[in-house]
Amino acid sequence: GPHLDRFGSTALQLLVATRWTVENNSRVGVRLSGGNVEVADGSASAASEPMVVGALQVPPSGSPIILGRDHPVTGGYPVIAVVDDASMSQALGAAIGTTLSFRLS
């Protein structure tokens, strides 16, 4: 990833404009809520491929998941972005209910 061709033209804008809430947090990943990132082709599954720490996967619910340090080796949901190393400790340490936002760099 990222698989930007799998998302609509406004998906990145939505990702950046939304204040996301940490719904669940573990070493596997940080599940977010607060918006609905839609996959352009209507299918939120993709061929399994290797994943990296910080990959921002979008499952069928449209609520992104930031993959943590104990994430699965492969994943099948499209990736819209990757959280940089400097921001990962903040994301992984965020308590449930904390709000997070993204910026593009």
PDB file of N, CA and C in Angstrom:
ATOM      1  N   GLY A   1       0.811  -1.168   0.000  1.00  0.00           N
ATOM      2  CA  GLY A   1       0.000   0.000   0.000  1.00  0.00           C
ATOM      3  C   GLY A   1       0.868   1.251   0.000  1.00  0.00           C
ATOM      4  N   PRO A   2       0.315   2.390   0.057  1.00  0.00           N
ATOM      5  CA  PRO A   2      -1.119   2.653  -0.017  1.00  0.00           C
ATOM      6  C   PRO A   2      -1.732   2.262  -1.367  1.00  0.00           C
ATOM      7  N   HIS A   3      -3.023   2.022  -1.333  1.00  0.00           N
ATOM      8  CA  HIS A   3      -3.785   1.633  -2.525  1.00  0.00           C
ATOM      9  C   HIS A   3      -4.726   2.778  -2.895  1.00  0.00           C
ATOM     10  N   LEU A   4      -4.189   3.939  -3.182  1.00  0.00           N
ATOM     11  CA  LEU A   4      -5.028   5.116  -3.407  1.00  0.00           C
ATOM     12  C   LEU A   4      -5.990   4.941  -4.571  1.00  0.00           C
ATOM     13  N   ASP A   5      -5.658   4.085  -5.523  1.00  0.00           N
ATOM     14  CA  ASP A   5      -6.552   3.830  -6.646  1.00  0.00           C
ATOM     15  C   ASP A   5      -7.828   3.105  -6.220  1.00  0.00           C
ATOM     16  N   ARG A   6      -7.856   2.555  -5.021  1.00  0.00           N
ATOM     17  CA  ARG A   6      -9.032   1.836  -4.512  1.00  0.00           C
ATOM     18  C   ARG A   6     -10.035   2.760  -3.824  1.00  0.00           C
ATOM     19  N   PHE A   7      -9.639   4.026  -3.609  1.00  0.00           N
ATOM     20  CA  PHE A   7     -10.479   4.962  -2.861  1.00  0.00           C
ATOM     21  C   PHE A   7     -10.995   6.073  -3.763  1.00  0.00           C
ATOM     22  N   GLY A   8     -12.127   6.662  -3.379  1.00  0.00           N
ATOM     23  CA  GLY A   8     -12.680   7.791  -4.119  1.00  0.00           C
ATOM     24  C   GLY A   8     -11.789   9.021  -3.993  1.00  0.00           C
ATOM     25  N   SER A   9     -12.078  10.013  -4.801  1.00  0.00           N
ATOM     26  CA  SER A   9     -11.240  11.212  -4.866  1.00  0.00           C
ATOM     27  C   SER A   9     -11.248  12.020  -3.573  1.00  0.00           C
ATOM     28  N   THR A  10     -12.268  11.859  -2.732  1.00  0.00           N
ATOM     29  CA  THR A  10     -12.337  12.641  -1.497  1.00  0.00           C
ATOM     30  C   THR A  10     -11.905  11.852  -0.257  1.00  0.00           C
ATOM     31  N   ALA A  11     -11.479  10.618  -0.429  1.00  0.00           N
ATOM     32  CA  ALA A  11     -11.151   9.766   0.724  1.00  0.00           C
ATOM     33  C   ALA A  11     -10.020  10.345   1.569  1.00  0.00           C
ATOM     34  N   LEU A  12      -8.949  10.813   0.944  1.00  0.00           N
ATOM     35  CA  LEU A  12      -7.839  11.391   1.716  1.00  0.00           C
ATOM     36  C   LEU A  12      -8.276  12.665   2.422  1.00  0.00           C
ATOM     37  N   GLN A  13      -9.108  13.481   1.764  1.00  0.00           N
ATOM     38  CA  GLN A  13      -9.619  14.700   2.399  1.00  0.00           C
ATOM     39  C   GLN A  13     -10.433  14.348   3.636  1.00  0.00           C
ATOM     40  N   LEU A  14     -11.277  13.329   3.530  1.00  0.00           N
ATOM     41  CA  LEU A  14     -12.073  12.878   4.672  1.00  0.00           C
ATOM     42  C   LEU A  14     -11.167  12.381   5.792  1.00  0.00           C
ATOM     43  N   LEU A  15     -10.155  11.616   5.433  1.00  0.00           N
ATOM     44  CA  LEU A  15      -9.226  11.087   6.430  1.00  0.00           C
ATOM     45  C   LEU A  15      -8.591  12.218   7.229  1.00  0.00           C
ATOM     46  N   VAL A  16      -8.175  13.275   6.545  1.00  0.00           N
ATOM     47  CA  VAL A  16      -7.492  14.399   7.192  1.00  0.00           C
ATOM     48  C   VAL A  16      -8.476  15.305   7.937  1.00  0.00           C
ATOM     49  N   ALA A  17      -9.678  15.491   7.412  1.00  0.00           N
ATOM     50  CA  ALA A  17     -10.645  16.419   8.007  1.00  0.00           C
ATOM     51  C   ALA A  17     -11.361  15.854   9.233  1.00  0.00           C
ATOM     52  N   THR A  18     -11.375  14.548   9.393  1.00  0.00           N
ATOM     53  CA  THR A  18     -12.130  13.902  10.474  1.00  0.00           C
ATOM     54  C   THR A  18     -11.318  13.828  11.755  1.00  0.00           C
ATOM     55  N   ARG A  19     -11.995  14.071  12.884  1.00  0.00           N
ATOM     56  CA  ARG A  19     -11.407  13.831  14.208  1.00  0.00           C
ATOM     57  C   ARG A  19     -11.814  12.406  14.575  1.00  0.00           C
ATOM     58  N   TRP A  20     -10.862  11.486  14.524  1.00  0.00           N
ATOM     59  CA  TRP A  20     -11.109  10.068  14.754  1.00  0.00           C
ATOM     60  C   TRP A  20     -11.029   9.760  16.239  1.00  0.00           C
ATOM     61  N   THR A  21     -11.864   8.859  16.715  1.00  0.00           N
ATOM     62  CA  THR A  21     -11.865   8.442  18.115  1.00  0.00           C
ATOM     63  C   THR A  21     -11.322   7.024  18.213  1.00  0.00           C
ATOM     64  N   VAL A  22     -10.418   6.811  19.176  1.00  0.00           N
ATOM     65  CA  VAL A  22      -9.876   5.473  19.412  1.00  0.00           C
ATOM     66  C   VAL A  22     -10.986   4.629  20.026  1.00  0.00           C
ATOM     67  N   GLU A  23     -11.389   3.593  19.317  1.00  0.00           N
ATOM     68  CA  GLU A  23     -12.458   2.699  19.760  1.00  0.00           C
ATOM     69  C   GLU A  23     -11.886   1.500  20.506  1.00  0.00           C
ATOM     70  N   ASN A  24     -10.727   1.037  20.053  1.00  0.00           N
ATOM     71  CA  ASN A  24     -10.056  -0.102  20.668  1.00  0.00           C
ATOM     72  C   ASN A  24      -8.575   0.044  20.372  1.00  0.00           C
ATOM     73  N   ASN A  25      -7.731  -0.377  21.305  1.00  0.00           N
ATOM     74  CA  ASN A  25      -6.295  -0.222  21.122  1.00  0.00           C
ATOM     75  C   ASN A  25      -5.583  -1.430  21.721  1.00  0.00           C
ATOM     76  N   SER A  26      -4.735  -2.051  20.914  1.00  0.00           N
ATOM     77  CA  SER A  26      -3.918  -3.168  21.383  1.00  0.00           C
ATOM     78  C   SER A  26      -2.624  -3.152  20.592  1.00  0.00           C
ATOM     79  N   ARG A  27      -1.744  -4.071  20.889  1.00  0.00           N
ATOM     80  CA  ARG A  27      -0.491  -4.137  20.131  1.00  0.00           C
ATOM     81  C   ARG A  27      -0.720  -4.584  18.690  1.00  0.00           C
ATOM     82  N   VAL A  28      -1.884  -5.168  18.422  1.00  0.00           N
ATOM     83  CA  VAL A  28      -2.213  -5.589  17.061  1.00  0.00           C
ATOM     84  C   VAL A  28      -2.626  -4.379  16.221  1.00  0.00           C
ATOM     85  N   GLY A  29      -3.388  -3.455  16.812  1.00  0.00           N
ATOM     86  CA  GLY A  29      -3.813  -2.287  16.057  1.00  0.00           C
ATOM     87  C   GLY A  29      -4.690  -1.353  16.856  1.00  0.00           C
ATOM     88  N   VAL A  30      -4.923  -0.193  16.263  1.00  0.00           N
ATOM     89  CA  VAL A  30      -5.762   0.840  16.859  1.00  0.00           C
ATOM     90  C   VAL A  30      -6.976   1.007  15.949  1.00  0.00           C
ATOM     91  N   ARG A  31      -8.145   0.628  16.455  1.00  0.00           N
ATOM     92  CA  ARG A  31      -9.383   0.746  15.673  1.00  0.00           C
ATOM     93  C   ARG A  31      -9.981   2.121  15.939  1.00  0.00           C
ATOM     94  N   LEU A  32     -10.320   2.828  14.850  1.00  0.00           N
ATOM     95  CA  LEU A  32     -10.835   4.190  14.952  1.00  0.00           C
ATOM     96  C   LEU A  32     -12.296   4.255  14.534  1.00  0.00           C
ATOM     97  N   SER A  33     -13.015   5.249  15.051  1.00  0.00           N
ATOM     98  CA  SER A  33     -14.388   5.510  14.621  1.00  0.00           C
ATOM     99  C   SER A  33     -14.547   7.013  14.447  1.00  0.00           C
ATOM    100  N   GLY A  34     -15.607   7.405  13.766  1.00  0.00           N
ATOM    101  CA  GLY A  34     -15.876   8.826  13.592  1.00  0.00           C
ATOM    102  C   GLY A  34     -16.127   9.237  12.163  1.00  0.00           C
ATOM    103  N   GLY A  35     -15.905   8.345  11.246  1.00  0.00           N
ATOM    104  CA  GLY A  35     -16.121   8.651   9.837  1.00  0.00           C
ATOM    105  C   GLY A  35     -16.261   7.364   9.061  1.00  0.00           C
ATOM    106  N   ASN A  36     -16.514   7.507   7.778  1.00  0.00           N
ATOM    107  CA  ASN A  36     -16.680   6.334   6.929  1.00  0.00           C
ATOM    108  C   ASN A  36     -15.892   6.554   5.645  1.00  0.00           C
ATOM    109  N   VAL A  37     -14.696   5.978   5.582  1.00  0.00           N
ATOM    110  CA  VAL A  37     -13.873   6.062   4.380  1.00  0.00           C
ATOM    111  C   VAL A  37     -14.363   4.975   3.432  1.00  0.00           C
ATOM    112  N   GLU A  38     -14.874   5.394   2.299  1.00  0.00           N
ATOM    113  CA  GLU A  38     -15.435   4.423   1.356  1.00  0.00           C
ATOM    114  C   GLU A  38     -14.418   4.001   0.316  1.00  0.00           C
ATOM    115  N   VAL A  39     -14.448   2.719   0.016  1.00  0.00           N
ATOM    116  CA  VAL A  39     -13.616   2.179  -1.052  1.00  0.00           C
ATOM    117  C   VAL A  39     -14.373   2.418  -2.353  1.00  0.00           C
ATOM    118  N   ALA A  40     -13.706   2.975  -3.358  1.00  0.00           N
ATOM    119  CA  ALA A  40     -14.357   3.410  -4.600  1.00  0.00           C
ATOM    120  C   ALA A  40     -15.060   2.282  -5.340  1.00  0.00           C
ATOM    121  N   ASP A  41     -14.455   1.112  -5.382  1.00  0.00           N
ATOM    122  CA  ASP A  41     -15.065   0.028  -6.155  1.00  0.00           C
ATOM    123  C   ASP A  41     -16.110  -0.754  -5.357  1.00  0.00           C
ATOM    124  N   GLY A  42     -16.391  -0.311  -4.130  1.00  0.00           N
ATOM    125  CA  GLY A  42     -17.401  -0.953  -3.306  1.00  0.00           C
ATOM    126  C   GLY A  42     -16.947  -2.213  -2.603  1.00  0.00           C
ATOM    127  N   SER A  43     -15.738  -2.655  -2.884  1.00  0.00           N
ATOM    128  CA  SER A  43     -15.208  -3.865  -2.267  1.00  0.00           C
ATOM    129  C   SER A  43     -14.080  -3.493  -1.324  1.00  0.00           C
ATOM    130  N   ALA A  44     -14.232  -3.823  -0.055  1.00  0.00           N
ATOM    131  CA  ALA A  44     -13.203  -3.466   0.916  1.00  0.00           C
ATOM    132  C   ALA A  44     -12.185  -4.577   1.118  1.00  0.00           C
ATOM    133  N   SER A  45     -12.241  -5.611   0.292  1.00  0.00           N
ATOM    134  CA  SER A  45     -11.232  -6.655   0.436  1.00  0.00           C
ATOM    135  C   SER A  45     -10.321  -6.640  -0.783  1.00  0.00           C
ATOM    136  N   ALA A  46      -9.092  -7.020  -0.559  1.00  0.00           N
ATOM    137  CA  ALA A  46      -8.089  -7.063  -1.622  1.00  0.00           C
ATOM    138  C   ALA A  46      -7.320  -8.361  -1.461  1.00  0.00           C
ATOM    139  N   ALA A  47      -6.477  -8.649  -2.413  1.00  0.00           N
ATOM    140  CA  ALA A  47      -5.612  -9.822  -2.280  1.00  0.00           C
ATOM    141  C   ALA A  47      -4.701  -9.614  -1.075  1.00  0.00           C
ATOM    142  N   SER A  48      -4.477 -10.663  -0.308  1.00  0.00           N
ATOM    143  CA  SER A  48      -3.579 -10.551   0.846  1.00  0.00           C
ATOM    144  C   SER A  48      -2.188 -10.180   0.375  1.00  0.00           C
ATOM    145  N   GLU A  49      -1.568  -9.278   1.123  1.00  0.00           N
ATOM    146  CA  GLU A  49      -0.204  -8.863   0.820  1.00  0.00           C
ATOM    147  C   GLU A  49       0.492  -8.491   2.116  1.00  0.00           C
ATOM    148  N   PRO A  50       1.808  -8.411   2.120  1.00  0.00           N
ATOM    149  CA  PRO A  50       2.533  -8.061   3.339  1.00  0.00           C
ATOM    150  C   PRO A  50       2.110  -6.691   3.862  1.00  0.00           C
ATOM    151  N   MET A  51       2.036  -6.572   5.179  1.00  0.00           N
ATOM    152  CA  MET A  51       1.675  -5.320   5.833  1.00  0.00           C
ATOM    153  C   MET A  51       2.851  -4.810   6.656  1.00  0.00           C
ATOM    154  N   VAL A  52       2.854  -3.504   6.915  1.00  0.00           N
ATOM    155  CA  VAL A  52       3.892  -2.881   7.737  1.00  0.00           C
ATOM    156  C   VAL A  52       3.242  -2.220   8.944  1.00  0.00           C
ATOM    157  N   VAL A  53       4.023  -2.019   9.991  1.00  0.00           N
ATOM    158  CA  VAL A  53       3.552  -1.273  11.158  1.00  0.00           C
ATOM    159  C   VAL A  53       3.145   0.118  10.689  1.00  0.00           C
ATOM    160  N   GLY A  54       1.978   0.566  11.109  1.00  0.00           N
ATOM    161  CA  GLY A  54       1.497   1.893  10.747  1.00  0.00           C
ATOM    162  C   GLY A  54       0.596   1.924   9.532  1.00  0.00           C
ATOM    163  N   ALA A  55       0.456   0.785   8.834  1.00  0.00           N
ATOM    164  CA  ALA A  55      -0.456   0.760   7.688  1.00  0.00           C
ATOM    165  C   ALA A  55      -1.861   1.097   8.178  1.00  0.00           C
ATOM    166  N   LEU A  56      -2.561   1.940   7.455  1.00  0.00           N
ATOM    167  CA  LEU A  56      -3.905   2.367   7.816  1.00  0.00           C
ATOM    168  C   LEU A  56      -4.881   1.636   6.898  1.00  0.00           C
ATOM    169  N   GLN A  57      -5.356   0.481   7.382  1.00  0.00           N
ATOM    170  CA  GLN A  57      -6.262  -0.355   6.598  1.00  0.00           C
ATOM    171  C   GLN A  57      -7.698   0.135   6.750  1.00  0.00           C
ATOM    172  N   VAL A  58      -8.483  -0.047   5.685  1.00  0.00           N
ATOM    173  CA  VAL A  58      -9.897   0.318   5.732  1.00  0.00           C
ATOM    174  C   VAL A  58     -10.729  -0.944   5.479  1.00  0.00           C
ATOM    175  N   PRO A  59     -11.335  -1.496   6.550  1.00  0.00           N
ATOM    176  CA  PRO A  59     -12.199  -2.674   6.412  1.00  0.00           C
ATOM    177  C   PRO A  59     -13.573  -2.265   5.861  1.00  0.00           C
ATOM    178  N   PRO A  60     -14.470  -3.223   5.645  1.00  0.00           N
ATOM    179  CA  PRO A  60     -15.794  -2.904   5.096  1.00  0.00           C
ATOM    180  C   PRO A  60     -16.576  -1.860   5.892  1.00  0.00           C
ATOM    181  N   SER A  61     -16.339  -1.740   7.190  1.00  0.00           N
ATOM    182  CA  SER A  61     -17.052  -0.750   8.008  1.00  0.00           C
ATOM    183  C   SER A  61     -16.696   0.677   7.628  1.00  0.00           C
ATOM    184  N   GLY A  62     -15.549   0.887   6.978  1.00  0.00           N
ATOM    185  CA  GLY A  62     -15.094   2.232   6.632  1.00  0.00           C
ATOM    186  C   GLY A  62     -14.345   2.922   7.750  1.00  0.00           C
ATOM    187  N   SER A  63     -14.256   2.286   8.921  1.00  0.00           N
ATOM    188  CA  SER A  63     -13.522   2.845  10.061  1.00  0.00           C
ATOM    189  C   SER A  63     -12.094   2.311  10.041  1.00  0.00           C
ATOM    190  N   PRO A  64     -11.111   3.189   9.850  1.00  0.00           N
ATOM    191  CA  PRO A  64      -9.723   2.743   9.683  1.00  0.00           C
ATOM    192  C   PRO A  64      -9.146   2.030  10.901  1.00  0.00           C
ATOM    193  N   ILE A  65      -8.157   1.195  10.624  1.00  0.00           N
ATOM    194  CA  ILE A  65      -7.387   0.500  11.654  1.00  0.00           C
ATOM    195  C   ILE A  65      -5.915   0.784  11.390  1.00  0.00           C
ATOM    196  N   ILE A  66      -5.222   1.313  12.405  1.00  0.00           N
ATOM    197  CA  ILE A  66      -3.774   1.516  12.305  1.00  0.00           C
ATOM    198  C   ILE A  66      -3.119   0.234  12.797  1.00  0.00           C
ATOM    199  N   LEU A  67      -2.364  -0.427  11.948  1.00  0.00           N
ATOM    200  CA  LEU A  67      -1.731  -1.683  12.353  1.00  0.00           C
ATOM    201  C   LEU A  67      -0.585  -1.422  13.316  1.00  0.00           C
ATOM    202  N   GLY A  68      -0.599  -2.161  14.437  1.00  0.00           N
ATOM    203  CA  GLY A  68       0.409  -2.005  15.484  1.00  0.00           C
ATOM    204  C   GLY A  68       1.573  -2.965  15.327  1.00  0.00           C
ATOM    205  N   ARG A  69       2.390  -3.012  16.350  1.00  0.00           N
ATOM    206  CA  ARG A  69       3.637  -3.784  16.300  1.00  0.00           C
ATOM    207  C   ARG A  69       3.416  -5.300  16.196  1.00  0.00           C
ATOM    208  N   ASP A  70       2.299  -5.813  16.685  1.00  0.00           N
ATOM    209  CA  ASP A  70       2.002  -7.249  16.597  1.00  0.00           C
ATOM    210  C   ASP A  70       0.933  -7.538  15.541  1.00  0.00           C
ATOM    211  N   HIS A  71       0.895  -6.734  14.494  1.00  0.00           N
ATOM    212  CA  HIS A  71      -0.113  -6.884  13.440  1.00  0.00           C
ATOM    213  C   HIS A  71       0.093  -8.189  12.678  1.00  0.00           C
ATOM    214  N   PRO A  72      -0.953  -8.653  11.989  1.00  0.00           N
ATOM    215  CA  PRO A  72      -0.782  -9.832  11.138  1.00  0.00           C
ATOM    216  C   PRO A  72       0.261  -9.547  10.052  1.00  0.00           C
ATOM    217  N   VAL A  73       0.951 -10.573   9.633  1.00  0.00           N
ATOM    218  CA  VAL A  73       2.006 -10.417   8.630  1.00  0.00           C
ATOM    219  C   VAL A  73       1.422  -9.990   7.287  1.00  0.00           C
ATOM    220  N   THR A  74       0.238 -10.500   6.961  1.00  0.00           N
ATOM    221  CA  THR A  74      -0.423 -10.110   5.716  1.00  0.00           C
ATOM    222  C   THR A  74      -1.796  -9.544   6.037  1.00  0.00           C
ATOM    223  N   GLY A  75      -2.343  -8.793   5.093  1.00  0.00           N
ATOM    224  CA  GLY A  75      -3.665  -8.220   5.268  1.00  0.00           C
ATOM    225  C   GLY A  75      -4.382  -8.155   3.943  1.00  0.00           C
ATOM    226  N   GLY A  76      -5.704  -8.116   3.992  1.00  0.00           N
ATOM    227  CA  GLY A  76      -6.484  -8.112   2.773  1.00  0.00           C
ATOM    228  C   GLY A  76      -7.368  -6.896   2.590  1.00  0.00           C
ATOM    229  N   TYR A  77      -7.303  -5.928   3.511  1.00  0.00           N
ATOM    230  CA  TYR A  77      -8.071  -4.702   3.339  1.00  0.00           C
ATOM    231  C   TYR A  77      -7.194  -3.665   2.656  1.00  0.00           C
ATOM    232  N   PRO A  78      -7.795  -2.764   1.860  1.00  0.00           N
ATOM    233  CA  PRO A  78      -6.990  -1.733   1.210  1.00  0.00           C
ATOM    234  C   PRO A  78      -6.376  -0.770   2.228  1.00  0.00           C
ATOM    235  N   VAL A  79      -5.199  -0.282   1.910  1.00  0.00           N
ATOM    236  CA  VAL A  79      -4.457   0.645   2.769  1.00  0.00           C
ATOM    237  C   VAL A  79      -4.553   2.034   2.155  1.00  0.00           C
ATOM    238  N   ILE A  80      -5.026   3.019   2.952  1.00  0.00           N
ATOM    239  CA  ILE A  80      -5.168   4.379   2.447  1.00  0.00           C
ATOM    240  C   ILE A  80      -3.941   5.232   2.751  1.00  0.00           C
ATOM    241  N   ALA A  81      -3.198   4.887   3.797  1.00  0.00           N
ATOM    242  CA  ALA A  81      -2.018   5.670   4.183  1.00  0.00           C
ATOM    243  C   ALA A  81      -1.172   4.832   5.135  1.00  0.00           C
ATOM    244  N   VAL A  82      -0.013   5.368   5.489  1.00  0.00           N
ATOM    245  CA  VAL A  82       0.862   4.729   6.476  1.00  0.00           C
ATOM    246  C   VAL A  82       1.276   5.798   7.480  1.00  0.00           C
ATOM    247  N   VAL A  83       1.073   5.521   8.761  1.00  0.00           N
ATOM    248  CA  VAL A  83       1.466   6.437   9.834  1.00  0.00           C
ATOM    249  C   VAL A  83       2.979   6.361   9.981  1.00  0.00           C
ATOM    250  N   ASP A  84       3.629   7.518  10.047  1.00  0.00           N
ATOM    251  CA  ASP A  84       5.094   7.519  10.139  1.00  0.00           C
ATOM    252  C   ASP A  84       5.574   7.052  11.509  1.00  0.00           C
ATOM    253  N   ASP A  85       6.829   6.625  11.554  1.00  0.00           N
ATOM    254  CA  ASP A  85       7.406   6.077  12.787  1.00  0.00           C
ATOM    255  C   ASP A  85       7.307   7.051  13.954  1.00  0.00           C
ATOM    256  N   ALA A  86       7.520   8.337  13.699  1.00  0.00           N
ATOM    257  CA  ALA A  86       7.504   9.334  14.773  1.00  0.00           C
ATOM    258  C   ALA A  86       6.129   9.438  15.436  1.00  0.00           C
ATOM    259  N   SER A  87       5.067   9.161  14.699  1.00  0.00           N
ATOM    260  CA  SER A  87       3.706   9.280  15.239  1.00  0.00           C
ATOM    261  C   SER A  87       3.147   7.970  15.787  1.00  0.00           C
ATOM    262  N   MET A  88       3.810   6.860  15.493  1.00  0.00           N
ATOM    263  CA  MET A  88       3.273   5.561  15.914  1.00  0.00           C
ATOM    264  C   MET A  88       3.191   5.409  17.423  1.00  0.00           C
ATOM    265  N   SER A  89       4.184   5.885  18.176  1.00  0.00           N
ATOM    266  CA  SER A  89       4.112   5.711  19.629  1.00  0.00           C
ATOM    267  C   SER A  89       2.933   6.483  20.207  1.00  0.00           C
ATOM    268  N   GLN A  90       2.609   7.639  19.630  1.00  0.00           N
ATOM    269  CA  GLN A  90       1.433   8.386  20.092  1.00  0.00           C
ATOM    270  C   GLN A  90       0.160   7.597  19.800  1.00  0.00           C
ATOM    271  N   ALA A  91       0.059   7.064  18.597  1.00  0.00           N
ATOM    272  CA  ALA A  91      -1.140   6.314  18.216  1.00  0.00           C
ATOM    273  C   ALA A  91      -1.287   5.055  19.062  1.00  0.00           C
ATOM    274  N   LEU A  92      -0.192   4.321  19.231  1.00  0.00           N
ATOM    275  CA  LEU A  92      -0.257   3.070  19.994  1.00  0.00           C
ATOM    276  C   LEU A  92      -0.509   3.305  21.475  1.00  0.00           C
ATOM    277  N   GLY A  93      -0.139   4.475  21.979  1.00  0.00           N
ATOM    278  CA  GLY A  93      -0.335   4.787  23.392  1.00  0.00           C
ATOM    279  C   GLY A  93      -1.641   5.499  23.687  1.00  0.00           C
ATOM    280  N   ALA A  94      -2.439   5.776  22.660  1.00  0.00           N
ATOM    281  CA  ALA A  94      -3.685   6.519  22.848  1.00  0.00           C
ATOM    282  C   ALA A  94      -4.731   5.657  23.559  1.00  0.00           C
ATOM    283  N   ALA A  95      -5.320   6.223  24.597  1.00  0.00           N
ATOM    284  CA  ALA A  95      -6.358   5.522  25.358  1.00  0.00           C
ATOM    285  C   ALA A  95      -7.669   5.495  24.573  1.00  0.00           C
ATOM    286  N   ILE A  96      -8.507   4.523  24.878  1.00  0.00           N
ATOM    287  CA  ILE A  96      -9.835   4.456  24.269  1.00  0.00           C
ATOM    288  C   ILE A  96     -10.561   5.764  24.569  1.00  0.00           C
ATOM    289  N   GLY A  97     -11.179   6.343  23.545  1.00  0.00           N
ATOM    290  CA  GLY A  97     -11.878   7.620  23.678  1.00  0.00           C
ATOM    291  C   GLY A  97     -11.044   8.820  23.268  1.00  0.00           C
ATOM    292  N   THR A  98      -9.736   8.635  23.115  1.00  0.00           N
ATOM    293  CA  THR A  98      -8.857   9.716  22.673  1.00  0.00           C
ATOM    294  C   THR A  98      -9.172  10.055  21.220  1.00  0.00           C
ATOM    295  N   THR A  99      -9.090  11.341  20.867  1.00  0.00           N
ATOM    296  CA  THR A  99      -9.278  11.719  19.471  1.00  0.00           C
ATOM    297  C   THR A  99      -7.922  11.879  18.797  1.00  0.00           C
ATOM    298  N   LEU A 100      -7.868  11.421  17.559  1.00  0.00           N
ATOM    299  CA  LEU A 100      -6.663  11.511  16.741  1.00  0.00           C
ATOM    300  C   LEU A 100      -7.021  12.180  15.427  1.00  0.00           C
ATOM    301  N   SER A 101      -6.046  12.812  14.823  1.00  0.00           N
ATOM    302  CA  SER A 101      -6.244  13.363  13.484  1.00  0.00           C
ATOM    303  C   SER A 101      -5.012  13.047  12.650  1.00  0.00           C
ATOM    304  N   PHE A 102      -5.172  13.141  11.351  1.00  0.00           N
ATOM    305  CA  PHE A 102      -4.089  12.828  10.424  1.00  0.00           C
ATOM    306  C   PHE A 102      -3.745  14.057   9.607  1.00  0.00           C
ATOM    307  N   ARG A 103      -2.508  14.109   9.147  1.00  0.00           N
ATOM    308  CA  ARG A 103      -2.090  15.119   8.180  1.00  0.00           C
ATOM    309  C   ARG A 103      -1.216  14.418   7.158  1.00  0.00           C
ATOM    310  N   LEU A 104      -1.222  14.924   5.969  1.00  0.00           N
ATOM    311  CA  LEU A 104      -0.427  14.331   4.895  1.00  0.00           C
ATOM    312  C   LEU A 104       0.951  14.966   4.876  1.00  0.00           C
ATOM    313  N   SER A 105       1.947  14.152   4.622  1.00  0.00           N
ATOM    314  CA  SER A 105       3.302  14.709   4.507  1.00  0.00           C
ATOM    315  C   SER A 105       4.015  14.074   3.339  1.00  0.00           C
TER     316      SER A 105
END
